[in-house]
Amino acid sequence: MSFENKTEIESEQFKRYLQFDLGDESYAIALLNVKEVIPVPETTPLPSAPSYYIGIMNLRGQIISIVDLRKKLKIKEKEESEEAVIIVDFEGVSIGLVVDSINYVLNVAAAEVAEVPEIRSQVNAQYVQGVHRGENKLTIMLDLAKALNINEIKGLQQKQAA
């Protein structure tokens, strides 16, 4: 087996995730969904939107919904945080997720992700894909499809455009 083939096989066994903090816990989402990370922008609020829906913003000509992931998942925010927005592209919709802080990119082997046990987490277990055990702490792997209601966000965007 050549070195190139071995590298390809090894890279297929690892997935990359963006790790971030919400409250006192660490979370991660698939890096493939992440477009960019930006500071918290000015937004235009929408009337009758859910409390976790901060509003919309214009990012280089594209209208993006901004969601406070802490409020969506009912997590108490840190008193001192370096808030950031992760822009994700999901099911053809770009959404900004407000988080307490960005940590780093994780290279995770499939074998390092444990099944969802009985988790003592602030997050509803239905939003969790698995748990990664790092050197110092556990990282909860979020399932964005379940955590975000994409149809609801599309509806709010369309209501604003009308």
N, C-alpha and C. Protein backbone atom coordinates (compact mmCIF):
# COMPACT_ATOMS: atom_id res chain seq x y z
N MET A 1 0.85 -1.17 0.00
CA MET A 1 0.00 0.00 0.00
C MET A 1 0.90 1.24 0.00
N SER A 2 0.61 2.17 -0.88
CA SER A 2 1.42 3.39 -0.95
C SER A 2 1.04 4.33 0.18
N PHE A 3 1.92 5.29 0.44
CA PHE A 3 1.68 6.27 1.50
C PHE A 3 0.44 7.10 1.20
N GLU A 4 0.26 7.47 -0.08
CA GLU A 4 -0.90 8.28 -0.47
C GLU A 4 -2.20 7.55 -0.14
N ASN A 5 -2.28 6.27 -0.47
CA ASN A 5 -3.49 5.52 -0.17
C ASN A 5 -3.74 5.43 1.33
N LYS A 6 -2.67 5.25 2.10
CA LYS A 6 -2.82 5.17 3.55
C LYS A 6 -3.37 6.49 4.09
N THR A 7 -2.86 7.62 3.59
CA THR A 7 -3.34 8.92 4.03
C THR A 7 -4.82 9.09 3.68
N GLU A 8 -5.22 8.65 2.48
CA GLU A 8 -6.62 8.76 2.08
C GLU A 8 -7.50 7.93 3.01
N ILE A 9 -7.06 6.73 3.34
CA ILE A 9 -7.84 5.86 4.23
C ILE A 9 -7.94 6.48 5.62
N GLU A 10 -6.82 7.00 6.13
CA GLU A 10 -6.84 7.62 7.44
C GLU A 10 -7.76 8.83 7.46
N SER A 11 -7.74 9.66 6.42
CA SER A 11 -8.57 10.86 6.41
C SER A 11 -10.05 10.51 6.32
N GLU A 12 -10.38 9.36 5.71
CA GLU A 12 -11.77 8.95 5.65
C GLU A 12 -12.27 8.53 7.02
N GLN A 13 -11.39 8.09 7.90
CA GLN A 13 -11.78 7.64 9.23
C GLN A 13 -11.98 8.81 10.19
N PHE A 14 -11.47 9.97 9.85
CA PHE A 14 -11.59 11.15 10.70
C PHE A 14 -12.59 12.13 10.11
N LYS A 15 -13.33 12.79 10.99
CA LYS A 15 -14.23 13.86 10.58
C LYS A 15 -13.82 15.11 11.34
N ARG A 16 -14.07 16.26 10.72
CA ARG A 16 -13.68 17.52 11.34
C ARG A 16 -14.92 18.23 11.86
N TYR A 17 -14.79 18.78 13.05
CA TYR A 17 -15.88 19.49 13.72
C TYR A 17 -15.38 20.82 14.24
N LEU A 18 -16.27 21.81 14.29
CA LEU A 18 -15.95 23.09 14.93
C LEU A 18 -16.47 23.00 16.36
N GLN A 19 -15.55 23.14 17.32
CA GLN A 19 -15.93 23.06 18.73
C GLN A 19 -16.16 24.47 19.26
N PHE A 20 -17.22 24.64 20.06
CA PHE A 20 -17.56 25.93 20.64
C PHE A 20 -18.20 25.70 22.00
N ASP A 21 -18.32 26.78 22.77
CA ASP A 21 -18.94 26.70 24.09
C ASP A 21 -20.31 27.34 24.08
N LEU A 22 -21.21 26.69 24.80
CA LEU A 22 -22.52 27.25 25.14
C LEU A 22 -22.65 27.05 26.64
N GLY A 23 -22.72 28.14 27.38
CA GLY A 23 -22.74 28.00 28.83
C GLY A 23 -21.46 27.35 29.30
N ASP A 24 -21.61 26.35 30.17
CA ASP A 24 -20.43 25.68 30.74
C ASP A 24 -20.03 24.42 30.00
N GLU A 25 -20.67 24.13 28.86
CA GLU A 25 -20.40 22.89 28.15
C GLU A 25 -19.81 23.17 26.77
N SER A 26 -19.10 22.17 26.24
CA SER A 26 -18.52 22.26 24.90
C SER A 26 -19.37 21.47 23.93
N TYR A 27 -19.55 22.03 22.75
CA TYR A 27 -20.34 21.42 21.69
C TYR A 27 -19.54 21.44 20.41
N ALA A 28 -19.97 20.65 19.44
CA ALA A 28 -19.31 20.65 18.14
C ALA A 28 -20.34 20.37 17.06
N ILE A 29 -20.10 20.97 15.89
CA ILE A 29 -20.92 20.71 14.71
C ILE A 29 -19.98 20.36 13.56
N ALA A 30 -20.49 19.62 12.60
CA ALA A 30 -19.68 19.20 11.46
C ALA A 30 -19.12 20.43 10.74
N LEU A 31 -17.83 20.41 10.50
CA LEU A 31 -17.16 21.54 9.83
C LEU A 31 -17.66 21.72 8.40
N LEU A 32 -18.14 20.66 7.79
CA LEU A 32 -18.66 20.75 6.42
C LEU A 32 -19.82 21.73 6.30
N ASN A 33 -20.60 21.91 7.38
CA ASN A 33 -21.73 22.83 7.36
C ASN A 33 -21.32 24.27 7.61
N VAL A 34 -20.12 24.50 8.14
CA VAL A 34 -19.68 25.84 8.53
C VAL A 34 -19.14 26.61 7.33
N LYS A 35 -19.70 27.81 7.11
CA LYS A 35 -19.20 28.67 6.04
C LYS A 35 -18.15 29.64 6.56
N GLU A 36 -18.44 30.26 7.72
CA GLU A 36 -17.49 31.20 8.30
C GLU A 36 -17.90 31.53 9.72
N VAL A 37 -17.01 32.22 10.43
CA VAL A 37 -17.27 32.70 11.78
C VAL A 37 -17.08 34.21 11.76
N ILE A 38 -18.07 34.93 12.31
CA ILE A 38 -18.02 36.39 12.31
C ILE A 38 -18.36 36.92 13.70
N PRO A 39 -18.02 38.20 13.97
CA PRO A 39 -18.47 38.81 15.24
C PRO A 39 -19.99 38.97 15.19
N VAL A 40 -20.61 39.14 16.34
CA VAL A 40 -22.06 39.32 16.39
C VAL A 40 -22.42 40.59 15.64
N PRO A 41 -23.27 40.48 14.60
CA PRO A 41 -23.60 41.63 13.75
C PRO A 41 -24.82 42.40 14.28
N GLU A 42 -25.05 43.55 13.66
CA GLU A 42 -26.31 44.25 13.90
C GLU A 42 -27.37 43.50 13.13
N THR A 43 -28.53 43.35 13.74
CA THR A 43 -29.60 42.59 13.09
C THR A 43 -30.88 43.40 13.07
N THR A 44 -31.79 42.99 12.20
CA THR A 44 -33.13 43.57 12.14
C THR A 44 -34.07 42.56 12.76
N PRO A 45 -34.69 42.91 13.90
CA PRO A 45 -35.60 41.95 14.53
C PRO A 45 -36.87 41.77 13.71
N LEU A 46 -37.48 40.61 13.85
CA LEU A 46 -38.74 40.33 13.16
C LEU A 46 -39.87 40.29 14.18
N PRO A 47 -41.00 40.92 13.87
CA PRO A 47 -42.13 40.86 14.81
C PRO A 47 -42.67 39.44 14.93
N SER A 48 -43.15 39.09 16.09
CA SER A 48 -43.73 37.78 16.42
C SER A 48 -42.79 36.60 16.17
N ALA A 49 -41.51 36.83 16.22
CA ALA A 49 -40.55 35.72 16.06
C ALA A 49 -40.33 35.06 17.42
N PRO A 50 -39.94 33.79 17.41
CA PRO A 50 -39.63 33.12 18.68
C PRO A 50 -38.50 33.85 19.41
N SER A 51 -38.41 33.68 20.72
CA SER A 51 -37.42 34.42 21.53
C SER A 51 -35.98 34.11 21.14
N TYR A 52 -35.71 32.92 20.62
CA TYR A 52 -34.34 32.56 20.22
C TYR A 52 -33.95 33.13 18.86
N TYR A 53 -34.93 33.64 18.12
CA TYR A 53 -34.68 34.17 16.78
C TYR A 53 -34.34 35.65 16.93
N ILE A 54 -33.06 35.99 16.78
CA ILE A 54 -32.61 37.36 17.01
C ILE A 54 -33.07 38.29 15.89
N GLY A 55 -33.02 37.81 14.64
CA GLY A 55 -33.43 38.63 13.51
C GLY A 55 -32.70 38.21 12.25
N ILE A 56 -32.63 39.15 11.32
CA ILE A 56 -31.94 38.88 10.06
C ILE A 56 -30.84 39.90 9.86
N MET A 57 -29.88 39.53 9.02
CA MET A 57 -28.79 40.45 8.67
C MET A 57 -28.46 40.29 7.19
N ASN A 58 -27.80 41.28 6.64
CA ASN A 58 -27.35 41.23 5.26
C ASN A 58 -25.85 40.93 5.28
N LEU A 59 -25.48 39.79 4.72
CA LEU A 59 -24.07 39.42 4.65
C LEU A 59 -23.69 39.31 3.18
N ARG A 60 -23.02 40.34 2.68
CA ARG A 60 -22.60 40.38 1.27
C ARG A 60 -23.76 40.09 0.31
N GLY A 61 -24.90 40.74 0.57
CA GLY A 61 -26.04 40.62 -0.33
C GLY A 61 -26.95 39.43 -0.04
N GLN A 62 -26.61 38.61 0.92
CA GLN A 62 -27.45 37.46 1.26
C GLN A 62 -28.11 37.71 2.61
N ILE A 63 -29.43 37.48 2.68
CA ILE A 63 -30.17 37.64 3.93
C ILE A 63 -29.97 36.37 4.76
N ILE A 64 -29.50 36.56 5.99
CA ILE A 64 -29.20 35.43 6.87
C ILE A 64 -29.96 35.60 8.17
N SER A 65 -30.62 34.53 8.59
CA SER A 65 -31.30 34.50 9.88
C SER A 65 -30.27 34.28 10.98
N ILE A 66 -30.43 35.00 12.09
CA ILE A 66 -29.52 34.85 13.22
C ILE A 66 -30.31 34.25 14.39
N VAL A 67 -29.81 33.12 14.89
CA VAL A 67 -30.47 32.38 15.97
C VAL A 67 -29.51 32.31 17.15
N ASP A 68 -30.01 32.61 18.34
CA ASP A 68 -29.20 32.45 19.55
C ASP A 68 -29.31 30.99 19.95
N LEU A 69 -28.25 30.22 19.70
CA LEU A 69 -28.28 28.78 19.95
C LEU A 69 -28.46 28.48 21.44
N ARG A 70 -28.00 29.40 22.29
CA ARG A 70 -28.18 29.20 23.73
C ARG A 70 -29.66 29.23 24.09
N LYS A 71 -30.37 30.21 23.57
CA LYS A 71 -31.81 30.31 23.86
C LYS A 71 -32.58 29.16 23.22
N LYS A 72 -32.18 28.79 22.01
CA LYS A 72 -32.85 27.70 21.31
C LYS A 72 -32.75 26.40 22.10
N LEU A 73 -31.58 26.15 22.68
CA LEU A 73 -31.35 24.91 23.42
C LEU A 73 -31.58 25.08 24.92
N LYS A 74 -32.05 26.28 25.32
CA LYS A 74 -32.36 26.59 26.72
C LYS A 74 -31.14 26.42 27.63
N ILE A 75 -30.04 27.04 27.21
CA ILE A 75 -28.79 27.00 27.97
C ILE A 75 -28.50 28.40 28.49
N LYS A 76 -28.17 28.48 29.77
CA LYS A 76 -27.84 29.77 30.37
C LYS A 76 -26.50 30.25 29.82
N GLU A 77 -26.48 31.48 29.30
CA GLU A 77 -25.23 31.99 28.73
C GLU A 77 -24.24 32.37 29.82
N LYS A 78 -22.97 32.34 29.44
CA LYS A 78 -21.92 32.75 30.37
C LYS A 78 -22.03 34.24 30.62
N GLU A 79 -21.66 34.65 31.83
CA GLU A 79 -21.68 36.09 32.12
C GLU A 79 -20.63 36.82 31.31
N GLU A 80 -19.45 36.23 31.22
CA GLU A 80 -18.37 36.83 30.43
C GLU A 80 -18.07 35.90 29.27
N SER A 81 -18.52 36.29 28.10
CA SER A 81 -18.26 35.44 26.94
C SER A 81 -17.77 36.28 25.78
N GLU A 82 -17.11 35.62 24.85
CA GLU A 82 -16.61 36.29 23.64
C GLU A 82 -17.55 35.91 22.51
N GLU A 83 -18.80 36.32 22.60
CA GLU A 83 -19.80 35.88 21.64
C GLU A 83 -19.31 35.95 20.20
N ALA A 84 -19.70 34.96 19.43
CA ALA A 84 -19.38 34.90 18.01
C ALA A 84 -20.58 34.30 17.29
N VAL A 85 -20.60 34.46 15.98
CA VAL A 85 -21.66 33.88 15.16
C VAL A 85 -21.02 32.91 14.17
N ILE A 86 -21.52 31.69 14.18
CA ILE A 86 -21.09 30.68 13.22
C ILE A 86 -22.11 30.68 12.09
N ILE A 87 -21.67 30.99 10.88
CA ILE A 87 -22.56 30.95 9.72
C ILE A 87 -22.51 29.53 9.17
N VAL A 88 -23.66 28.87 9.16
CA VAL A 88 -23.75 27.51 8.65
C VAL A 88 -24.67 27.50 7.44
N ASP A 89 -24.40 26.58 6.54
CA ASP A 89 -25.26 26.38 5.38
C ASP A 89 -25.90 25.03 5.59
N PHE A 90 -27.23 25.05 5.68
CA PHE A 90 -27.92 23.83 6.00
C PHE A 90 -29.20 23.74 5.19
N GLU A 91 -29.32 22.69 4.40
CA GLU A 91 -30.48 22.48 3.54
C GLU A 91 -30.75 23.70 2.66
N GLY A 92 -29.69 24.30 2.14
CA GLY A 92 -29.82 25.44 1.23
C GLY A 92 -30.12 26.76 1.90
N VAL A 93 -30.12 26.79 3.23
CA VAL A 93 -30.39 28.01 3.98
C VAL A 93 -29.16 28.36 4.80
N SER A 94 -28.76 29.63 4.74
CA SER A 94 -27.66 30.08 5.59
C SER A 94 -28.24 30.64 6.87
N ILE A 95 -27.68 30.20 8.00
CA ILE A 95 -28.16 30.61 9.31
C ILE A 95 -26.95 30.99 10.15
N GLY A 96 -27.09 32.05 10.93
CA GLY A 96 -26.06 32.44 11.87
C GLY A 96 -26.41 31.94 13.25
N LEU A 97 -25.48 31.28 13.92
CA LEU A 97 -25.70 30.73 15.25
C LEU A 97 -24.86 31.49 16.26
N VAL A 98 -25.50 32.17 17.20
CA VAL A 98 -24.76 32.88 18.24
C VAL A 98 -24.34 31.88 19.31
N VAL A 99 -23.04 31.87 19.61
CA VAL A 99 -22.47 30.97 20.63
C VAL A 99 -21.63 31.81 21.60
N ASP A 100 -21.30 31.23 22.76
CA ASP A 100 -20.50 31.96 23.75
C ASP A 100 -19.07 32.18 23.28
N SER A 101 -18.44 31.16 22.73
CA SER A 101 -17.07 31.31 22.24
C SER A 101 -16.72 30.17 21.30
N ILE A 102 -15.79 30.43 20.40
CA ILE A 102 -15.28 29.43 19.46
C ILE A 102 -14.00 28.86 20.05
N ASN A 103 -13.87 27.54 20.04
CA ASN A 103 -12.67 26.93 20.59
C ASN A 103 -11.68 26.59 19.50
N TYR A 104 -11.92 25.52 18.76
CA TYR A 104 -11.00 25.11 17.70
C TYR A 104 -11.65 24.03 16.85
N VAL A 105 -10.91 23.59 15.82
CA VAL A 105 -11.37 22.52 14.95
C VAL A 105 -10.87 21.20 15.52
N LEU A 106 -11.78 20.25 15.65
CA LEU A 106 -11.45 18.92 16.15
C LEU A 106 -11.34 17.95 15.00
N ASN A 107 -10.32 17.12 14.98
CA ASN A 107 -10.24 15.97 14.09
C ASN A 107 -10.64 14.78 14.93
N VAL A 108 -11.77 14.18 14.61
CA VAL A 108 -12.31 13.13 15.45
C VAL A 108 -12.43 11.84 14.65
N ALA A 109 -11.85 10.77 15.19
CA ALA A 109 -12.03 9.46 14.58
C ALA A 109 -13.42 8.95 14.95
N ALA A 110 -14.04 8.24 14.04
CA ALA A 110 -15.38 7.72 14.30
C ALA A 110 -15.41 6.89 15.58
N ALA A 111 -14.34 6.19 15.87
CA ALA A 111 -14.28 5.35 17.06
C ALA A 111 -14.23 6.16 18.35
N GLU A 112 -13.87 7.46 18.26
CA GLU A 112 -13.77 8.31 19.44
C GLU A 112 -15.10 8.93 19.85
N VAL A 113 -16.13 8.74 19.02
CA VAL A 113 -17.44 9.30 19.32
C VAL A 113 -18.30 8.21 19.94
N ALA A 114 -18.68 8.42 21.19
CA ALA A 114 -19.49 7.45 21.90
C ALA A 114 -20.96 7.64 21.58
N GLU A 115 -21.71 6.57 21.70
CA GLU A 115 -23.16 6.65 21.55
C GLU A 115 -23.69 7.62 22.60
N VAL A 116 -24.90 8.07 22.39
CA VAL A 116 -25.50 8.99 23.34
C VAL A 116 -25.92 8.21 24.58
N PRO A 117 -25.18 8.39 25.68
CA PRO A 117 -25.57 7.70 26.91
C PRO A 117 -26.65 8.52 27.62
N GLU A 118 -26.99 8.13 28.80
CA GLU A 118 -27.86 8.96 29.63
C GLU A 118 -27.02 10.18 29.97
N ILE A 119 -27.27 11.28 29.28
CA ILE A 119 -26.42 12.46 29.41
C ILE A 119 -26.97 13.40 30.47
N ARG A 120 -26.10 13.86 31.32
CA ARG A 120 -26.47 14.91 32.27
C ARG A 120 -26.11 16.23 31.63
N SER A 121 -26.84 16.58 30.62
CA SER A 121 -26.56 17.78 29.86
C SER A 121 -27.78 18.69 29.90
N GLN A 122 -27.53 19.95 29.63
CA GLN A 122 -28.63 20.90 29.57
C GLN A 122 -29.39 20.75 28.25
N VAL A 123 -28.81 20.05 27.30
CA VAL A 123 -29.40 19.93 25.98
C VAL A 123 -30.28 18.68 25.90
N ASN A 124 -31.42 18.82 25.28
CA ASN A 124 -32.30 17.69 25.06
C ASN A 124 -31.54 16.62 24.27
N ALA A 125 -31.60 15.37 24.73
CA ALA A 125 -30.83 14.28 24.12
C ALA A 125 -31.17 14.06 22.65
N GLN A 126 -32.35 14.48 22.20
CA GLN A 126 -32.69 14.27 20.80
C GLN A 126 -31.83 15.10 19.86
N TYR A 127 -31.18 16.13 20.35
CA TYR A 127 -30.32 16.98 19.53
C TYR A 127 -28.87 16.49 19.48
N VAL A 128 -28.56 15.40 20.17
CA VAL A 128 -27.19 14.95 20.32
C VAL A 128 -26.91 13.74 19.43
N GLN A 129 -25.82 13.84 18.61
CA GLN A 129 -25.39 12.73 17.76
C GLN A 129 -24.50 11.76 18.52
N GLY A 130 -23.70 12.30 19.41
CA GLY A 130 -22.76 11.49 20.15
C GLY A 130 -21.95 12.38 21.08
N VAL A 131 -20.99 11.78 21.75
CA VAL A 131 -20.16 12.50 22.69
C VAL A 131 -18.70 12.14 22.42
N HIS A 132 -17.85 13.16 22.33
CA HIS A 132 -16.42 12.95 22.13
C HIS A 132 -15.70 13.21 23.44
N ARG A 133 -14.88 12.26 23.84
CA ARG A 133 -14.12 12.42 25.08
C ARG A 133 -12.76 13.00 24.72
N GLY A 134 -12.57 14.27 25.08
CA GLY A 134 -11.28 14.93 24.85
C GLY A 134 -10.36 14.68 26.02
N GLU A 135 -9.21 15.34 26.02
CA GLU A 135 -8.24 15.15 27.10
C GLU A 135 -8.80 15.65 28.44
N ASN A 136 -9.45 16.81 28.40
CA ASN A 136 -9.90 17.42 29.66
C ASN A 136 -11.41 17.42 29.86
N LYS A 137 -12.19 17.29 28.77
CA LYS A 137 -13.63 17.38 28.93
C LYS A 137 -14.36 16.68 27.80
N LEU A 138 -15.65 16.53 27.99
CA LEU A 138 -16.50 15.92 26.98
C LEU A 138 -17.02 17.01 26.03
N THR A 139 -17.17 16.65 24.77
CA THR A 139 -17.75 17.54 23.79
C THR A 139 -19.00 16.88 23.23
N ILE A 140 -20.10 17.59 23.29
CA ILE A 140 -21.36 17.08 22.78
C ILE A 140 -21.46 17.39 21.30
N MET A 141 -21.66 16.36 20.49
CA MET A 141 -21.76 16.51 19.04
C MET A 141 -23.23 16.80 18.70
N LEU A 142 -23.51 18.03 18.26
CA LEU A 142 -24.88 18.43 17.98
C LEU A 142 -25.35 17.96 16.62
N ASP A 143 -26.60 17.58 16.54
CA ASP A 143 -27.26 17.25 15.28
C ASP A 143 -28.05 18.49 14.87
N LEU A 144 -27.48 19.28 13.96
CA LEU A 144 -28.13 20.54 13.57
C LEU A 144 -29.50 20.34 12.95
N ALA A 145 -29.69 19.25 12.24
CA ALA A 145 -30.98 18.99 11.60
C ALA A 145 -32.09 18.93 12.63
N LYS A 146 -31.79 18.35 13.78
CA LYS A 146 -32.80 18.24 14.82
C LYS A 146 -32.85 19.49 15.71
N ALA A 147 -31.72 20.11 15.93
CA ALA A 147 -31.66 21.28 16.82
C ALA A 147 -32.29 22.52 16.19
N LEU A 148 -32.18 22.64 14.87
CA LEU A 148 -32.74 23.80 14.17
C LEU A 148 -33.99 23.38 13.42
N ASN A 149 -35.00 24.19 13.49
CA ASN A 149 -36.21 23.94 12.71
C ASN A 149 -36.09 24.77 11.43
N ILE A 150 -35.51 24.18 10.40
CA ILE A 150 -35.21 24.91 9.16
C ILE A 150 -36.48 25.46 8.52
N ASN A 151 -37.57 24.69 8.49
CA ASN A 151 -38.81 25.17 7.87
C ASN A 151 -39.35 26.41 8.58
N GLU A 152 -39.24 26.43 9.91
CA GLU A 152 -39.69 27.60 10.66
C GLU A 152 -38.84 28.82 10.30
N ILE A 153 -37.53 28.63 10.20
CA ILE A 153 -36.64 29.75 9.86
C ILE A 153 -36.90 30.24 8.44
N LYS A 154 -37.12 29.32 7.49
CA LYS A 154 -37.46 29.71 6.12
C LYS A 154 -38.74 30.53 6.12
N GLY A 155 -39.74 30.09 6.90
CA GLY A 155 -41.02 30.81 6.98
C GLY A 155 -40.85 32.21 7.52
N LEU A 156 -40.02 32.39 8.57
CA LEU A 156 -39.76 33.71 9.12
C LEU A 156 -39.07 34.61 8.10
N GLN A 157 -38.10 34.06 7.34
CA GLN A 157 -37.43 34.84 6.31
C GLN A 157 -38.41 35.27 5.23
N GLN A 158 -39.27 34.36 4.81
CA GLN A 158 -40.24 34.68 3.75
C GLN A 158 -41.24 35.72 4.23
N LYS A 159 -41.63 35.63 5.49
CA LYS A 159 -42.58 36.61 6.06
C LYS A 159 -41.96 38.01 6.02
N GLN A 160 -40.67 38.10 6.32
CA GLN A 160 -39.99 39.40 6.30
C GLN A 160 -39.85 39.93 4.88
N ALA A 161 -39.62 39.03 3.92
CA ALA A 161 -39.44 39.46 2.53
C ALA A 161 -40.74 39.94 1.91
N ALA A 162 -41.86 39.46 2.42
CA ALA A 162 -43.17 39.82 1.85
C ALA A 162 -43.56 41.24 2.16
